[in-house]
Amino acid sequence: MLVFLRLWRYKFTILYVFLIPIINWAFANTKIFTLPDGGAWSPFSIMVGLVLVVRDFAQREIGHYVFLPMIIGVAFSFVLAPPIIAFASAAAFLVSETIDWAIFTHTNAPLSKRVLYSSLIGSVIDSSIYLYLAQLQVPGLFGPWTLGCMLASKFSGAIVVYFMIKRRERLTAINEARTAV
C-alpha cells in the first residue's frame, strides 16, 4: 500500500512514460483512415494531444526532470514501434516538448492558460515534424488534410482540458473568496 501511495504522487509522470510508446505502437498498428487529399489520419492523433497535456502535469510533479520520462518513453517506442515511427516521434518530442516546457515554465499565466498555450504551440510543431518523418514509413502521410485533422484532434483535447482546469480554477477562486469574508 505504501508503494502505491508513493507512486501515486507521480501518476502523470508514469502515464506520460507509457503513453509515448503506446501512441507510437498505435500509429504503426491500427487502422489509418484515408483523407480526401490521399493523406492519412489515425484516431490516435487525439491521444497525442493528451500526451502533451499529461506532460504539463508531469512537469508539475517532477519539475525540470520531465525530460527523463520522455527519454524513457521514447526508448520504449523503439521496442514497440517500427524504427522510423519511433525516430519520428523522438525528433518531434524533442523539439515540441522543449518548446512546450519553455512555455509552461516561463509563462506566468494561470495553469489553464499555460496548458492551453503550450499544447497549441507544441501540437503544431510536433505534428509537422512527426508527419514529415513518419511518411518514410507511411508514404503520403504528410498532407494538408492529414496535418489539419491531426491538429484538430489535438486542439480539441487541449481545449477540453483547458475548460476543465479553468472551471476548477474558478471554483477555487470562489471558495477562497468565501473563506476570506
N, C-alpha and C. Protein backbone atom coordinates (compact mmCIF):
# COMPACT_ATOMS: atom_id res chain seq x y z
N MET A 1 0.82 -1.20 0.00
CA MET A 1 0.00 0.00 0.00
C MET A 1 0.86 1.25 0.00
N LEU A 2 1.94 1.24 0.77
CA LEU A 2 2.84 2.38 0.85
C LEU A 2 3.50 2.66 -0.51
N VAL A 3 3.88 1.61 -1.20
CA VAL A 3 4.49 1.76 -2.53
C VAL A 3 3.49 2.42 -3.49
N PHE A 4 2.24 1.96 -3.44
CA PHE A 4 1.21 2.53 -4.29
C PHE A 4 1.04 4.02 -4.01
N LEU A 5 0.99 4.39 -2.75
CA LEU A 5 0.83 5.80 -2.38
C LEU A 5 2.01 6.65 -2.86
N ARG A 6 3.21 6.10 -2.75
CA ARG A 6 4.38 6.83 -3.24
C ARG A 6 4.35 6.99 -4.75
N LEU A 7 3.97 5.92 -5.45
CA LEU A 7 3.87 6.01 -6.90
C LEU A 7 2.74 6.93 -7.35
N TRP A 8 1.67 7.00 -6.59
CA TRP A 8 0.52 7.83 -6.94
C TRP A 8 0.93 9.31 -7.03
N ARG A 9 1.94 9.70 -6.27
CA ARG A 9 2.44 11.08 -6.34
C ARG A 9 2.96 11.39 -7.73
N TYR A 10 3.33 10.36 -8.48
CA TYR A 10 3.91 10.53 -9.81
C TYR A 10 3.01 9.95 -10.91
N LYS A 11 1.71 9.98 -10.68
CA LYS A 11 0.77 9.34 -11.61
C LYS A 11 0.85 9.89 -13.03
N PHE A 12 1.01 11.21 -13.17
CA PHE A 12 1.07 11.79 -14.51
C PHE A 12 2.41 11.48 -15.18
N THR A 13 3.47 11.43 -14.41
CA THR A 13 4.78 11.08 -14.95
C THR A 13 4.77 9.65 -15.46
N ILE A 14 4.20 8.74 -14.69
CA ILE A 14 4.11 7.34 -15.11
C ILE A 14 3.22 7.21 -16.34
N LEU A 15 2.09 7.90 -16.34
CA LEU A 15 1.20 7.88 -17.51
C LEU A 15 1.92 8.41 -18.74
N TYR A 16 2.68 9.47 -18.57
CA TYR A 16 3.43 10.08 -19.67
C TYR A 16 4.42 9.07 -20.27
N VAL A 17 5.15 8.36 -19.43
CA VAL A 17 6.12 7.37 -19.91
C VAL A 17 5.42 6.31 -20.76
N PHE A 18 4.26 5.86 -20.33
CA PHE A 18 3.58 4.77 -21.05
C PHE A 18 2.79 5.25 -22.27
N LEU A 19 2.30 6.48 -22.24
CA LEU A 19 1.55 6.98 -23.40
C LEU A 19 2.42 7.10 -24.65
N ILE A 20 3.66 7.49 -24.48
CA ILE A 20 4.54 7.69 -25.64
C ILE A 20 4.69 6.41 -26.47
N PRO A 21 5.10 5.28 -25.90
CA PRO A 21 5.23 4.08 -26.74
C PRO A 21 3.88 3.52 -27.20
N ILE A 22 2.85 3.67 -26.38
CA ILE A 22 1.53 3.17 -26.79
C ILE A 22 1.05 3.91 -28.03
N ILE A 23 1.21 5.22 -28.04
CA ILE A 23 0.78 6.02 -29.20
C ILE A 23 1.60 5.64 -30.44
N ASN A 24 2.90 5.49 -30.27
CA ASN A 24 3.72 5.12 -31.42
C ASN A 24 3.38 3.73 -31.94
N TRP A 25 3.13 2.80 -31.04
CA TRP A 25 2.70 1.47 -31.47
C TRP A 25 1.38 1.57 -32.24
N ALA A 26 0.46 2.37 -31.71
CA ALA A 26 -0.86 2.50 -32.33
C ALA A 26 -0.77 3.12 -33.72
N PHE A 27 0.09 4.12 -33.91
CA PHE A 27 0.24 4.71 -35.24
C PHE A 27 0.73 3.68 -36.25
N ALA A 28 1.53 2.75 -35.81
CA ALA A 28 2.07 1.75 -36.73
C ALA A 28 1.15 0.54 -36.90
N ASN A 29 0.21 0.31 -35.97
CA ASN A 29 -0.53 -0.96 -35.98
C ASN A 29 -2.05 -0.84 -35.97
N THR A 30 -2.59 0.33 -36.06
CA THR A 30 -4.05 0.46 -36.08
C THR A 30 -4.51 1.02 -37.43
N LYS A 31 -5.80 0.95 -37.63
CA LYS A 31 -6.38 1.40 -38.90
C LYS A 31 -6.12 2.88 -39.12
N ILE A 32 -5.65 3.19 -40.29
CA ILE A 32 -5.41 4.57 -40.71
C ILE A 32 -6.50 4.90 -41.74
N PHE A 33 -7.15 6.03 -41.57
CA PHE A 33 -8.22 6.43 -42.47
C PHE A 33 -7.66 7.32 -43.58
N THR A 34 -8.09 7.05 -44.81
CA THR A 34 -7.64 7.83 -45.96
C THR A 34 -8.44 9.12 -46.03
N LEU A 35 -7.75 10.21 -46.28
CA LEU A 35 -8.37 11.53 -46.35
C LEU A 35 -8.54 11.96 -47.80
N PRO A 36 -9.36 12.99 -48.06
CA PRO A 36 -9.64 13.40 -49.44
C PRO A 36 -8.41 13.73 -50.29
N ASP A 37 -7.32 14.20 -49.66
CA ASP A 37 -6.13 14.54 -50.45
C ASP A 37 -5.18 13.35 -50.60
N GLY A 38 -5.63 12.16 -50.16
CA GLY A 38 -4.80 10.97 -50.24
C GLY A 38 -3.94 10.76 -49.01
N GLY A 39 -3.98 11.70 -48.09
CA GLY A 39 -3.23 11.58 -46.84
C GLY A 39 -3.92 10.58 -45.92
N ALA A 40 -3.46 10.51 -44.70
CA ALA A 40 -3.99 9.54 -43.75
C ALA A 40 -4.20 10.20 -42.39
N TRP A 41 -5.13 9.64 -41.62
CA TRP A 41 -5.41 10.12 -40.27
C TRP A 41 -5.62 8.93 -39.36
N SER A 42 -4.97 8.99 -38.20
CA SER A 42 -5.14 7.95 -37.19
C SER A 42 -5.95 8.52 -36.04
N PRO A 43 -6.91 7.76 -35.55
CA PRO A 43 -7.67 8.22 -34.40
C PRO A 43 -6.78 8.46 -33.18
N PHE A 44 -5.59 7.90 -33.18
CA PHE A 44 -4.69 8.09 -32.06
C PHE A 44 -4.07 9.48 -32.04
N SER A 45 -4.37 10.29 -33.05
CA SER A 45 -3.92 11.68 -33.03
C SER A 45 -4.48 12.40 -31.81
N ILE A 46 -5.66 12.00 -31.39
CA ILE A 46 -6.28 12.61 -30.20
C ILE A 46 -5.41 12.33 -28.98
N MET A 47 -4.85 11.13 -28.92
CA MET A 47 -4.01 10.75 -27.78
C MET A 47 -2.73 11.58 -27.73
N VAL A 48 -2.24 12.01 -28.90
CA VAL A 48 -1.03 12.83 -28.91
C VAL A 48 -1.31 14.17 -28.23
N GLY A 49 -2.50 14.73 -28.48
CA GLY A 49 -2.88 15.95 -27.77
C GLY A 49 -2.93 15.72 -26.27
N LEU A 50 -3.40 14.54 -25.88
CA LEU A 50 -3.47 14.20 -24.46
C LEU A 50 -2.07 14.08 -23.86
N VAL A 51 -1.13 13.48 -24.60
CA VAL A 51 0.21 13.29 -24.04
C VAL A 51 0.90 14.63 -23.81
N LEU A 52 0.60 15.63 -24.63
CA LEU A 52 1.19 16.96 -24.42
C LEU A 52 0.65 17.59 -23.13
N VAL A 53 -0.62 17.39 -22.84
CA VAL A 53 -1.21 17.90 -21.61
C VAL A 53 -0.68 17.11 -20.40
N VAL A 54 -0.60 15.79 -20.55
CA VAL A 54 -0.08 14.95 -19.46
C VAL A 54 1.36 15.36 -19.15
N ARG A 55 2.12 15.73 -20.17
CA ARG A 55 3.48 16.20 -19.96
C ARG A 55 3.51 17.43 -19.06
N ASP A 56 2.57 18.34 -19.25
CA ASP A 56 2.49 19.52 -18.40
C ASP A 56 2.25 19.14 -16.94
N PHE A 57 1.37 18.18 -16.72
CA PHE A 57 1.10 17.73 -15.36
C PHE A 57 2.27 16.95 -14.78
N ALA A 58 2.98 16.21 -15.63
CA ALA A 58 4.18 15.52 -15.17
C ALA A 58 5.23 16.54 -14.74
N GLN A 59 5.33 17.64 -15.48
CA GLN A 59 6.28 18.67 -15.09
C GLN A 59 5.91 19.27 -13.74
N ARG A 60 4.63 19.40 -13.45
CA ARG A 60 4.23 19.89 -12.13
C ARG A 60 4.65 18.91 -11.04
N GLU A 61 4.69 17.61 -11.37
CA GLU A 61 5.09 16.60 -10.37
C GLU A 61 6.59 16.55 -10.15
N ILE A 62 7.37 16.64 -11.25
CA ILE A 62 8.81 16.40 -11.12
C ILE A 62 9.67 17.56 -11.58
N GLY A 63 9.07 18.66 -11.94
CA GLY A 63 9.83 19.84 -12.33
C GLY A 63 10.60 19.66 -13.63
N HIS A 64 11.81 20.19 -13.63
CA HIS A 64 12.62 20.19 -14.85
C HIS A 64 13.18 18.81 -15.22
N TYR A 65 12.93 17.83 -14.39
CA TYR A 65 13.35 16.46 -14.71
C TYR A 65 12.41 15.80 -15.71
N VAL A 66 11.46 16.54 -16.24
CA VAL A 66 10.43 15.99 -17.12
C VAL A 66 11.01 15.38 -18.40
N PHE A 67 12.23 15.77 -18.75
CA PHE A 67 12.82 15.20 -19.96
C PHE A 67 13.23 13.74 -19.77
N LEU A 68 13.51 13.33 -18.55
CA LEU A 68 13.88 11.94 -18.28
C LEU A 68 12.74 10.97 -18.63
N PRO A 69 11.50 11.21 -18.18
CA PRO A 69 10.42 10.30 -18.59
C PRO A 69 10.21 10.29 -20.11
N MET A 70 10.43 11.44 -20.77
CA MET A 70 10.30 11.49 -22.22
C MET A 70 11.33 10.55 -22.86
N ILE A 71 12.56 10.59 -22.38
CA ILE A 71 13.60 9.73 -22.93
C ILE A 71 13.26 8.25 -22.70
N ILE A 72 12.74 7.93 -21.53
CA ILE A 72 12.35 6.54 -21.23
C ILE A 72 11.21 6.11 -22.15
N GLY A 73 10.20 6.96 -22.32
CA GLY A 73 9.08 6.63 -23.20
C GLY A 73 9.51 6.44 -24.64
N VAL A 74 10.40 7.30 -25.11
CA VAL A 74 10.90 7.17 -26.49
C VAL A 74 11.71 5.88 -26.63
N ALA A 75 12.49 5.54 -25.61
CA ALA A 75 13.27 4.29 -25.67
C ALA A 75 12.33 3.09 -25.79
N PHE A 76 11.24 3.08 -25.02
CA PHE A 76 10.24 2.00 -25.15
C PHE A 76 9.64 1.98 -26.55
N SER A 77 9.50 3.15 -27.16
CA SER A 77 8.94 3.23 -28.51
C SER A 77 9.78 2.46 -29.52
N PHE A 78 11.09 2.51 -29.35
CA PHE A 78 11.97 1.79 -30.28
C PHE A 78 11.80 0.28 -30.14
N VAL A 79 11.24 -0.19 -29.03
CA VAL A 79 10.97 -1.61 -28.83
C VAL A 79 9.62 -1.98 -29.44
N LEU A 80 8.63 -1.09 -29.32
CA LEU A 80 7.26 -1.41 -29.70
C LEU A 80 6.86 -0.98 -31.11
N ALA A 81 7.51 0.03 -31.65
CA ALA A 81 7.10 0.59 -32.94
C ALA A 81 8.22 0.42 -33.96
N PRO A 82 7.88 0.52 -35.24
CA PRO A 82 8.93 0.48 -36.26
C PRO A 82 9.94 1.60 -36.02
N PRO A 83 11.21 1.38 -36.34
CA PRO A 83 12.24 2.38 -36.06
C PRO A 83 11.95 3.77 -36.63
N ILE A 84 11.39 3.84 -37.83
CA ILE A 84 11.12 5.15 -38.43
C ILE A 84 10.06 5.90 -37.63
N ILE A 85 9.01 5.19 -37.20
CA ILE A 85 7.97 5.81 -36.38
C ILE A 85 8.56 6.27 -35.06
N ALA A 86 9.36 5.43 -34.43
CA ALA A 86 9.98 5.79 -33.15
C ALA A 86 10.92 6.99 -33.32
N PHE A 87 11.69 7.00 -34.41
CA PHE A 87 12.59 8.13 -34.66
C PHE A 87 11.80 9.41 -34.92
N ALA A 88 10.75 9.31 -35.73
CA ALA A 88 9.91 10.49 -36.00
C ALA A 88 9.32 11.03 -34.70
N SER A 89 8.87 10.13 -33.86
CA SER A 89 8.31 10.52 -32.57
C SER A 89 9.37 11.17 -31.69
N ALA A 90 10.56 10.57 -31.65
CA ALA A 90 11.64 11.11 -30.82
C ALA A 90 12.01 12.52 -31.26
N ALA A 91 12.16 12.71 -32.56
CA ALA A 91 12.52 14.04 -33.07
C ALA A 91 11.42 15.06 -32.78
N ALA A 92 10.17 14.66 -33.01
CA ALA A 92 9.05 15.57 -32.76
C ALA A 92 8.94 15.90 -31.28
N PHE A 93 9.07 14.89 -30.44
CA PHE A 93 9.00 15.12 -29.00
C PHE A 93 10.13 16.03 -28.52
N LEU A 94 11.32 15.79 -28.98
CA LEU A 94 12.45 16.58 -28.52
C LEU A 94 12.22 18.07 -28.78
N VAL A 95 11.81 18.40 -29.98
CA VAL A 95 11.60 19.81 -30.32
C VAL A 95 10.34 20.36 -29.66
N SER A 96 9.21 19.66 -29.84
CA SER A 96 7.95 20.21 -29.33
C SER A 96 7.89 20.22 -27.81
N GLU A 97 8.46 19.20 -27.19
CA GLU A 97 8.44 19.16 -25.73
C GLU A 97 9.35 20.22 -25.13
N THR A 98 10.44 20.55 -25.81
CA THR A 98 11.32 21.61 -25.33
C THR A 98 10.57 22.95 -25.40
N ILE A 99 9.89 23.18 -26.49
CA ILE A 99 9.10 24.42 -26.62
C ILE A 99 7.95 24.40 -25.61
N ASP A 100 7.28 23.25 -25.47
CA ASP A 100 6.19 23.11 -24.51
C ASP A 100 6.70 23.40 -23.09
N TRP A 101 7.86 22.83 -22.76
CA TRP A 101 8.47 23.05 -21.44
C TRP A 101 8.74 24.54 -21.22
N ALA A 102 9.30 25.20 -22.23
CA ALA A 102 9.65 26.61 -22.10
C ALA A 102 8.40 27.47 -21.88
N ILE A 103 7.36 27.20 -22.64
CA ILE A 103 6.12 27.97 -22.49
C ILE A 103 5.50 27.69 -21.12
N PHE A 104 5.43 26.43 -20.75
CA PHE A 104 4.81 26.06 -19.49
C PHE A 104 5.60 26.61 -18.31
N THR A 105 6.92 26.63 -18.42
CA THR A 105 7.79 27.07 -17.32
C THR A 105 7.85 28.59 -17.19
N HIS A 106 7.94 29.28 -18.31
CA HIS A 106 8.24 30.71 -18.27
C HIS A 106 7.03 31.62 -18.46
N THR A 107 5.86 31.05 -18.59
CA THR A 107 4.65 31.86 -18.69
C THR A 107 4.04 31.98 -17.30
N ASN A 108 3.78 33.19 -16.87
CA ASN A 108 3.22 33.40 -15.54
C ASN A 108 1.69 33.43 -15.56
N ALA A 109 1.11 32.74 -16.51
CA ALA A 109 -0.35 32.69 -16.63
C ALA A 109 -0.89 31.60 -15.70
N PRO A 110 -2.20 31.61 -15.46
CA PRO A 110 -2.80 30.52 -14.69
C PRO A 110 -2.56 29.17 -15.38
N LEU A 111 -2.66 28.11 -14.60
CA LEU A 111 -2.40 26.77 -15.13
C LEU A 111 -3.21 26.48 -16.39
N SER A 112 -4.49 26.83 -16.40
CA SER A 112 -5.33 26.53 -17.56
C SER A 112 -4.76 27.15 -18.83
N LYS A 113 -4.30 28.38 -18.76
CA LYS A 113 -3.77 29.05 -19.95
C LYS A 113 -2.39 28.49 -20.32
N ARG A 114 -1.57 28.13 -19.33
CA ARG A 114 -0.27 27.54 -19.66
C ARG A 114 -0.45 26.22 -20.38
N VAL A 115 -1.40 25.41 -19.91
CA VAL A 115 -1.68 24.13 -20.57
C VAL A 115 -2.18 24.37 -21.99
N LEU A 116 -3.07 25.33 -22.16
CA LEU A 116 -3.62 25.62 -23.49
C LEU A 116 -2.53 26.14 -24.43
N TYR A 117 -1.78 27.15 -24.01
CA TYR A 117 -0.74 27.73 -24.87
C TYR A 117 0.32 26.70 -25.24
N SER A 118 0.81 25.97 -24.25
CA SER A 118 1.88 25.01 -24.53
C SER A 118 1.37 23.88 -25.43
N SER A 119 0.12 23.48 -25.24
CA SER A 119 -0.43 22.40 -26.08
C SER A 119 -0.67 22.87 -27.52
N LEU A 120 -1.19 24.06 -27.68
CA LEU A 120 -1.48 24.55 -29.03
C LEU A 120 -0.20 24.75 -29.84
N ILE A 121 0.78 25.38 -29.25
CA ILE A 121 2.03 25.61 -29.98
C ILE A 121 2.80 24.30 -30.15
N GLY A 122 2.87 23.50 -29.09
CA GLY A 122 3.56 22.22 -29.17
C GLY A 122 2.93 21.28 -30.18
N SER A 123 1.61 21.32 -30.30
CA SER A 123 0.91 20.45 -31.25
C SER A 123 1.29 20.73 -32.69
N VAL A 124 1.37 21.99 -33.05
CA VAL A 124 1.72 22.36 -34.43
C VAL A 124 3.12 21.86 -34.77
N ILE A 125 4.05 22.10 -33.88
CA ILE A 125 5.44 21.70 -34.12
C ILE A 125 5.56 20.18 -34.11
N ASP A 126 4.96 19.53 -33.11
CA ASP A 126 5.02 18.07 -33.00
C ASP A 126 4.42 17.41 -34.24
N SER A 127 3.25 17.85 -34.65
CA SER A 127 2.58 17.24 -35.81
C SER A 127 3.38 17.41 -37.08
N SER A 128 3.90 18.60 -37.29
CA SER A 128 4.66 18.87 -38.52
C SER A 128 5.90 17.99 -38.62
N ILE A 129 6.67 17.96 -37.55
CA ILE A 129 7.91 17.15 -37.56
C ILE A 129 7.57 15.67 -37.67
N TYR A 130 6.61 15.22 -36.86
CA TYR A 130 6.25 13.80 -36.85
C TYR A 130 5.77 13.34 -38.23
N LEU A 131 4.83 14.07 -38.81
CA LEU A 131 4.28 13.65 -40.11
C LEU A 131 5.32 13.67 -41.20
N TYR A 132 6.17 14.67 -41.19
CA TYR A 132 7.21 14.76 -42.20
C TYR A 132 8.12 13.53 -42.16
N LEU A 133 8.54 13.14 -40.95
CA LEU A 133 9.43 11.99 -40.82
C LEU A 133 8.70 10.65 -40.91
N ALA A 134 7.48 10.58 -40.39
CA ALA A 134 6.74 9.31 -40.39
C ALA A 134 6.31 8.90 -41.79
N GLN A 135 6.26 9.85 -42.72
CA GLN A 135 5.86 9.47 -44.07
C GLN A 135 6.89 8.55 -44.73
N LEU A 136 8.07 8.43 -44.13
CA LEU A 136 9.03 7.45 -44.63
C LEU A 136 8.53 6.03 -44.39
N GLN A 137 7.73 5.84 -43.34
CA GLN A 137 7.13 4.54 -43.02
C GLN A 137 5.76 4.40 -43.70
N VAL A 138 5.01 5.49 -43.71
CA VAL A 138 3.66 5.51 -44.29
C VAL A 138 3.67 6.57 -45.39
N PRO A 139 4.01 6.20 -46.64
CA PRO A 139 4.10 7.19 -47.71
C PRO A 139 2.81 7.98 -47.90
N GLY A 140 2.96 9.26 -48.16
CA GLY A 140 1.81 10.13 -48.39
C GLY A 140 1.16 10.63 -47.12
N LEU A 141 1.76 10.34 -45.98
CA LEU A 141 1.16 10.71 -44.70
C LEU A 141 1.10 12.21 -44.52
N PHE A 142 2.13 12.93 -44.94
CA PHE A 142 2.18 14.37 -44.72
C PHE A 142 1.42 15.08 -45.83
N GLY A 143 0.30 15.64 -45.48
CA GLY A 143 -0.52 16.41 -46.42
C GLY A 143 -1.35 17.39 -45.64
N PRO A 144 -1.94 18.35 -46.32
CA PRO A 144 -2.71 19.38 -45.62
C PRO A 144 -3.89 18.81 -44.82
N TRP A 145 -4.58 17.82 -45.39
CA TRP A 145 -5.71 17.23 -44.67
C TRP A 145 -5.23 16.45 -43.45
N THR A 146 -4.14 15.72 -43.63
CA THR A 146 -3.59 14.95 -42.51
C THR A 146 -3.18 15.88 -41.38
N LEU A 147 -2.44 16.91 -41.72
CA LEU A 147 -1.99 17.87 -40.71
C LEU A 147 -3.19 18.55 -40.06
N GLY A 148 -4.15 18.97 -40.86
CA GLY A 148 -5.35 19.63 -40.33
C GLY A 148 -6.14 18.74 -39.39
N CYS A 149 -6.34 17.48 -39.78
CA CYS A 149 -7.09 16.55 -38.92
C CYS A 149 -6.32 16.26 -37.64
N MET A 150 -5.02 16.09 -37.74
CA MET A 150 -4.22 15.81 -36.56
C MET A 150 -4.27 17.01 -35.61
N LEU A 151 -4.14 18.22 -36.15
CA LEU A 151 -4.18 19.41 -35.30
C LEU A 151 -5.56 19.60 -34.67
N ALA A 152 -6.61 19.36 -35.44
CA ALA A 152 -7.96 19.48 -34.89
C ALA A 152 -8.16 18.48 -33.76
N SER A 153 -7.64 17.27 -33.93
CA SER A 153 -7.75 16.26 -32.88
C SER A 153 -7.02 16.71 -31.62
N LYS A 154 -5.81 17.18 -31.79
CA LYS A 154 -5.01 17.61 -30.65
C LYS A 154 -5.61 18.84 -29.98
N PHE A 155 -6.05 19.80 -30.78
CA PHE A 155 -6.62 21.03 -30.23
C PHE A 155 -7.89 20.74 -29.44
N SER A 156 -8.71 19.81 -29.96
CA SER A 156 -9.96 19.51 -29.25
C SER A 156 -9.67 18.94 -27.87
N GLY A 157 -8.68 18.08 -27.78
CA GLY A 157 -8.31 17.54 -26.46
C GLY A 157 -7.78 18.61 -25.54
N ALA A 158 -6.94 19.49 -26.06
CA ALA A 158 -6.36 20.57 -25.25
C ALA A 158 -7.44 21.54 -24.77
N ILE A 159 -8.41 21.81 -25.61
CA ILE A 159 -9.47 22.75 -25.24
C ILE A 159 -10.37 22.15 -24.17
N VAL A 160 -10.67 20.86 -24.28
CA VAL A 160 -11.48 20.20 -23.23
C VAL A 160 -10.76 20.27 -21.89
N VAL A 161 -9.47 19.95 -21.88
CA VAL A 161 -8.70 20.01 -20.63
C VAL A 161 -8.62 21.45 -20.13
N TYR A 162 -8.45 22.41 -21.03
CA TYR A 162 -8.41 23.82 -20.65
C TYR A 162 -9.68 24.20 -19.89
N PHE A 163 -10.84 23.85 -20.43
CA PHE A 163 -12.10 24.21 -19.77
C PHE A 163 -12.28 23.49 -18.44
N MET A 164 -11.80 22.26 -18.35
CA MET A 164 -11.89 21.53 -17.08
C MET A 164 -11.04 22.23 -16.01
N ILE A 165 -9.83 22.60 -16.37
CA ILE A 165 -8.94 23.27 -15.41
C ILE A 165 -9.47 24.66 -15.09
N LYS A 166 -9.95 25.36 -16.11
CA LYS A 166 -10.49 26.71 -15.93
C LYS A 166 -11.66 26.67 -14.94
N ARG A 167 -12.51 25.68 -15.06
CA ARG A 167 -13.64 25.53 -14.14
C ARG A 167 -13.15 25.31 -12.71
N ARG A 168 -12.15 24.46 -12.57
CA ARG A 168 -11.59 24.20 -11.24
C ARG A 168 -10.95 25.47 -10.66
N GLU A 169 -10.26 26.24 -11.49
CA GLU A 169 -9.66 27.49 -11.03
C GLU A 169 -10.74 28.48 -10.56
N ARG A 170 -11.83 28.54 -11.30
CA ARG A 170 -12.94 29.43 -10.94
C ARG A 170 -13.56 29.01 -9.61
N LEU A 171 -13.78 27.71 -9.45
CA LEU A 171 -14.37 27.21 -8.21
C LEU A 171 -13.44 27.46 -7.02
N THR A 172 -12.15 27.28 -7.24
CA THR A 172 -11.17 27.55 -6.18
C THR A 172 -11.19 29.02 -5.80
N ALA A 173 -11.27 29.92 -6.78
CA ALA A 173 -11.32 31.36 -6.51
C ALA A 173 -12.58 31.72 -5.74
N ILE A 174 -13.71 31.11 -6.10
CA ILE A 174 -14.97 31.37 -5.39
C ILE A 174 -14.87 30.91 -3.95
N ASN A 175 -14.33 29.70 -3.75
CA ASN A 175 -14.18 29.17 -2.38
C ASN A 175 -13.23 30.02 -1.55
N GLU A 176 -12.15 30.48 -2.16
CA GLU A 176 -11.21 31.34 -1.43
C GLU A 176 -11.85 32.67 -1.07
N ALA A 177 -12.67 33.21 -1.98
CA ALA A 177 -13.36 34.47 -1.69
C ALA A 177 -14.36 34.29 -0.54
N ARG A 178 -15.02 33.15 -0.51
CA ARG A 178 -15.99 32.89 0.56
C ARG A 178 -15.30 32.75 1.92
N THR A 179 -14.17 32.08 1.93
CA THR A 179 -13.47 31.88 3.21
C THR A 179 -12.78 33.17 3.67
N ALA A 180 -12.47 34.06 2.75
CA ALA A 180 -11.82 35.33 3.11
C ALA A 180 -12.82 36.29 3.75
N VAL A 181 -14.10 36.10 3.50
CA VAL A 181 -15.11 37.02 4.02
C VAL A 181 -15.47 36.71 5.43
